[in-house]
C-alpha atoms as a PDB file:
ATOM      1  CA  UNK A   1     -31.366  36.291 -25.876  1.00  0.00           C
ATOM      2  CA  UNK A   2     -35.053  36.358 -25.607  1.00  0.00           C
ATOM      3  CA  UNK A   3     -35.651  35.784 -29.102  1.00  0.00           C
ATOM      4  CA  UNK A   4     -34.100  32.276 -28.953  1.00  0.00           C
ATOM      5  CA  UNK A   5     -37.333  30.147 -28.857  1.00  0.00           C
ATOM      6  CA  UNK A   6     -35.629  27.124 -29.580  1.00  0.00           C
ATOM      7  CA  UNK A   7     -32.617  24.781 -28.503  1.00  0.00           C
ATOM      8  CA  UNK A   8     -31.524  25.072 -32.254  1.00  0.00           C
ATOM      9  CA  UNK A   9     -31.414  28.885 -31.965  1.00  0.00           C
ATOM     10  CA  UNK A  10     -29.618  28.488 -29.074  1.00  0.00           C
ATOM     11  CA  UNK A  11     -27.174  26.215 -30.517  1.00  0.00           C
ATOM     12  CA  UNK A  12     -26.563  28.657 -33.567  1.00  0.00           C
ATOM     13  CA  UNK A  13     -26.380  31.616 -30.951  1.00  0.00           C
ATOM     14  CA  UNK A  14     -23.659  30.404 -28.636  1.00  0.00           C
ATOM     15  CA  UNK A  15     -21.602  29.336 -31.839  1.00  0.00           C
ATOM     16  CA  UNK A  16     -22.038  32.919 -33.232  1.00  0.00           C
ATOM     17  CA  UNK A  17     -21.534  34.443 -30.037  1.00  0.00           C
ATOM     18  CA  UNK A  18     -18.349  32.867 -29.023  1.00  0.00           C
ATOM     19  CA  UNK A  19     -16.846  33.723 -32.735  1.00  0.00           C
ATOM     20  CA  UNK A  20     -16.853  30.178 -33.809  1.00  0.00           C
ATOM     21  CA  UNK A  21     -17.392  28.772 -37.180  1.00  0.00           C
ATOM     22  CA  UNK A  22     -19.684  25.208 -37.508  1.00  0.00           C
ATOM     23  CA  UNK A  23     -16.620  23.585 -38.411  1.00  0.00           C
ATOM     24  CA  UNK A  24     -14.675  24.943 -35.585  1.00  0.00           C
ATOM     25  CA  UNK A  25     -17.264  24.459 -33.053  1.00  0.00           C
ATOM     26  CA  UNK A  26     -17.679  20.476 -34.230  1.00  0.00           C
ATOM     27  CA  UNK A  27     -14.257  20.226 -34.090  1.00  0.00           C
ATOM     28  CA  UNK A  28     -14.355  21.436 -30.342  1.00  0.00           C
ATOM     29  CA  UNK A  29     -17.019  19.301 -29.443  1.00  0.00           C
ATOM     30  CA  UNK A  30     -15.717  16.052 -31.433  1.00  0.00           C
ATOM     31  CA  UNK A  31     -18.362  15.747 -33.924  1.00  0.00           C
ATOM     32  CA  UNK A  32     -18.648  15.906 -37.609  1.00  0.00           C
ATOM     33  CA  UNK A  33     -19.769  19.593 -39.026  1.00  0.00           C
ATOM     34  CA  UNK A  34     -22.984  17.760 -40.439  1.00  0.00           C
ATOM     35  CA  UNK A  35     -23.868  16.824 -37.129  1.00  0.00           C
ATOM     36  CA  UNK A  36     -23.630  20.553 -35.568  1.00  0.00           C
ATOM     37  CA  UNK A  37     -25.398  21.873 -38.976  1.00  0.00           C
ATOM     38  CA  UNK A  38     -28.297  19.267 -38.611  1.00  0.00           C
ATOM     39  CA  UNK A  39     -29.126  20.740 -35.048  1.00  0.00           C
ATOM     40  CA  UNK A  40     -29.009  24.445 -36.518  1.00  0.00           C
ATOM     41  CA  UNK A  41     -30.868  23.735 -39.901  1.00  0.00           C
ATOM     42  CA  UNK A  42     -32.910  20.983 -39.522  1.00  0.00           C
ATOM     43  CA  UNK A  43     -34.455  21.217 -36.096  1.00  0.00           C
ATOM     44  CA  UNK A  44     -32.838  18.045 -34.919  1.00  0.00           C
ATOM     45  CA  UNK A  45     -32.366  18.413 -31.350  1.00  0.00           C
ATOM     46  CA  UNK A  46     -29.077  17.128 -29.366  1.00  0.00           C
ATOM     47  CA  UNK A  47     -28.795  14.507 -27.227  1.00  0.00           C
ATOM     48  CA  UNK A  48     -27.997  14.487 -23.575  1.00  0.00           C
ATOM     49  CA  UNK A  49     -24.060  13.617 -24.155  1.00  0.00           C
ATOM     50  CA  UNK A  50     -23.535  16.402 -27.286  1.00  0.00           C
ATOM     51  CA  UNK A  51     -25.442  18.740 -24.767  1.00  0.00           C
ATOM     52  CA  UNK A  52     -23.105  18.409 -22.093  1.00  0.00           C
ATOM     53  CA  UNK A  53     -20.223  18.461 -24.481  1.00  0.00           C
ATOM     54  CA  UNK A  54     -21.645  21.642 -26.103  1.00  0.00           C
ATOM     55  CA  UNK A  55     -21.897  23.167 -22.836  1.00  0.00           C
ATOM     56  CA  UNK A  56     -18.101  22.501 -22.036  1.00  0.00           C
ATOM     57  CA  UNK A  57     -16.674  23.526 -25.037  1.00  0.00           C
ATOM     58  CA  UNK A  58     -18.232  27.174 -24.787  1.00  0.00           C
ATOM     59  CA  UNK A  59     -16.953  26.917 -20.924  1.00  0.00           C
ATOM     60  CA  UNK A  60     -19.017  30.328 -20.356  1.00  0.00           C
ATOM     61  CA  UNK A  61     -21.031  30.998 -17.257  1.00  0.00           C
ATOM     62  CA  UNK A  62     -24.148  32.457 -19.562  1.00  0.00           C
ATOM     63  CA  UNK A  63     -24.194  28.829 -21.334  1.00  0.00           C
ATOM     64  CA  UNK A  64     -25.350  26.120 -19.091  1.00  0.00           C
ATOM     65  CA  UNK A  65     -28.087  23.164 -19.781  1.00  0.00           C
ATOM     66  CA  UNK A  66     -31.176  25.124 -18.577  1.00  0.00           C
ATOM     67  CA  UNK A  67     -30.320  27.791 -21.053  1.00  0.00           C
ATOM     68  CA  UNK A  68     -29.572  25.782 -23.752  1.00  0.00           C
ATOM     69  CA  UNK A  69     -32.430  23.036 -23.162  1.00  0.00           C
ATOM     70  CA  UNK A  70     -35.312  25.257 -21.805  1.00  0.00           C
ATOM     71  CA  UNK A  71     -34.372  28.664 -22.670  1.00  0.00           C
ATOM     72  CA  UNK A  72     -34.438  29.626 -18.831  1.00  0.00           C
ATOM     73  CA  UNK A  73     -31.864  31.754 -17.291  1.00  0.00           C
ATOM     74  CA  UNK A  74     -28.366  30.513 -16.609  1.00  0.00           C
ATOM     75  CA  UNK A  75     -27.338  29.526 -13.206  1.00  0.00           C
ATOM     76  CA  UNK A  76     -25.075  32.588 -13.139  1.00  0.00           C
ATOM     77  CA  UNK A  77     -27.998  35.008 -13.926  1.00  0.00           C
ATOM     78  CA  UNK A  78     -29.998  32.982 -11.278  1.00  0.00           C
ATOM     79  CA  UNK A  79     -27.435  33.499  -8.884  1.00  0.00           C
ATOM     80  CA  UNK A  80     -27.174  37.347  -9.467  1.00  0.00           C
ATOM     81  CA  UNK A  81     -30.594  37.440  -9.133  1.00  0.00           C
ATOM     82  CA  UNK A  82     -30.395  35.614  -5.668  1.00  0.00           C
ATOM     83  CA  UNK A  83     -27.909  38.134  -4.374  1.00  0.00           C
ATOM     84  CA  UNK A  84     -29.620  41.156  -5.836  1.00  0.00           C
ATOM     85  CA  UNK A  85     -32.625  40.042  -3.932  1.00  0.00           C
ATOM     86  CA  UNK A  86     -30.581  39.386  -0.822  1.00  0.00           C
ATOM     87  CA  UNK A  87     -29.157  42.801  -1.045  1.00  0.00           C
ATOM     88  CA  UNK A  88     -32.707  44.201  -1.374  1.00  0.00           C
ATOM     89  CA  UNK A  89     -34.127  42.329   1.502  1.00  0.00           C
ATOM     90  CA  UNK A  90     -31.163  43.421   3.468  1.00  0.00           C
ATOM     91  CA  UNK A  91     -31.573  47.200   2.739  1.00  0.00           C
ATOM     92  CA  UNK A  92     -35.532  47.244   3.419  1.00  0.00           C
ATOM     93  CA  UNK A  93     -34.427  45.797   6.831  1.00  0.00           C
ATOM     94  CA  UNK A  94     -32.092  48.472   7.294  1.00  0.00           C
ATOM     95  CA  UNK A  95     -35.098  50.969   6.329  1.00  0.00           C
ATOM     96  CA  UNK A  96     -37.548  49.439   8.808  1.00  0.00           C
ATOM     97  CA  UNK A  97     -34.857  49.313  11.624  1.00  0.00           C
ATOM     98  CA  UNK A  98     -34.374  52.972  11.132  1.00  0.00           C
ATOM     99  CA  UNK A  99     -37.972  53.858  10.519  1.00  0.00           C
ATOM    100  CA  UNK A 100     -38.728  52.104  13.989  1.00  0.00           C
ATOM    101  CA  UNK A 101     -35.636  54.340  15.378  1.00  0.00           C
ATOM    102  CA  UNK A 102     -37.022  57.443  14.160  1.00  0.00           C
ATOM    103  CA  UNK A 103     -40.270  56.671  15.724  1.00  0.00           C
ATOM    104  CA  UNK A 104     -39.068  55.998  18.846  1.00  0.00           C
ATOM    105  CA  UNK A 105     -37.055  59.164  18.965  1.00  0.00           C
ATOM    106  CA  UNK A 106     -40.155  61.351  17.748  1.00  0.00           C
ATOM    107  CA  UNK A 107     -42.386  59.712  20.583  1.00  0.00           C
ATOM    108  CA  UNK A 108     -39.395  60.599  23.140  1.00  0.00           C
ATOM    109  CA  UNK A 109     -39.269  64.238  21.865  1.00  0.00           C
ATOM    110  CA  UNK A 110     -43.104  64.341  21.954  1.00  0.00           C
ATOM    111  CA  UNK A 111     -42.796  62.741  25.706  1.00  0.00           C
ATOM    112  CA  UNK A 112     -40.531  65.362  26.656  1.00  0.00           C
ATOM    113  CA  UNK A 113     -42.430  68.404  25.886  1.00  0.00           C
END
């Protein structure tokens, strides 16, 4: 999906990715085929209402307004990244706690000798 530089590229991608034709997607959005085609081929930019309609028509977690308009990560990708960072932070805390325990036990062993 990185090669999808424009909103027009992303509209084309989401239609193809979900197995729609331009006609079937246009029907699902309640607009004329020519409207969708103009976004895909003529470089026209959709208005806010149509962006919302297209996102609802796709109804997939990977397709949200941020991704469609800006090409950024979708909300679900951001959530996954946040979850992963939380897990990594928890593991780092656990490692640090274990290191401190090992150091304390090592010090105690050295004192007892």
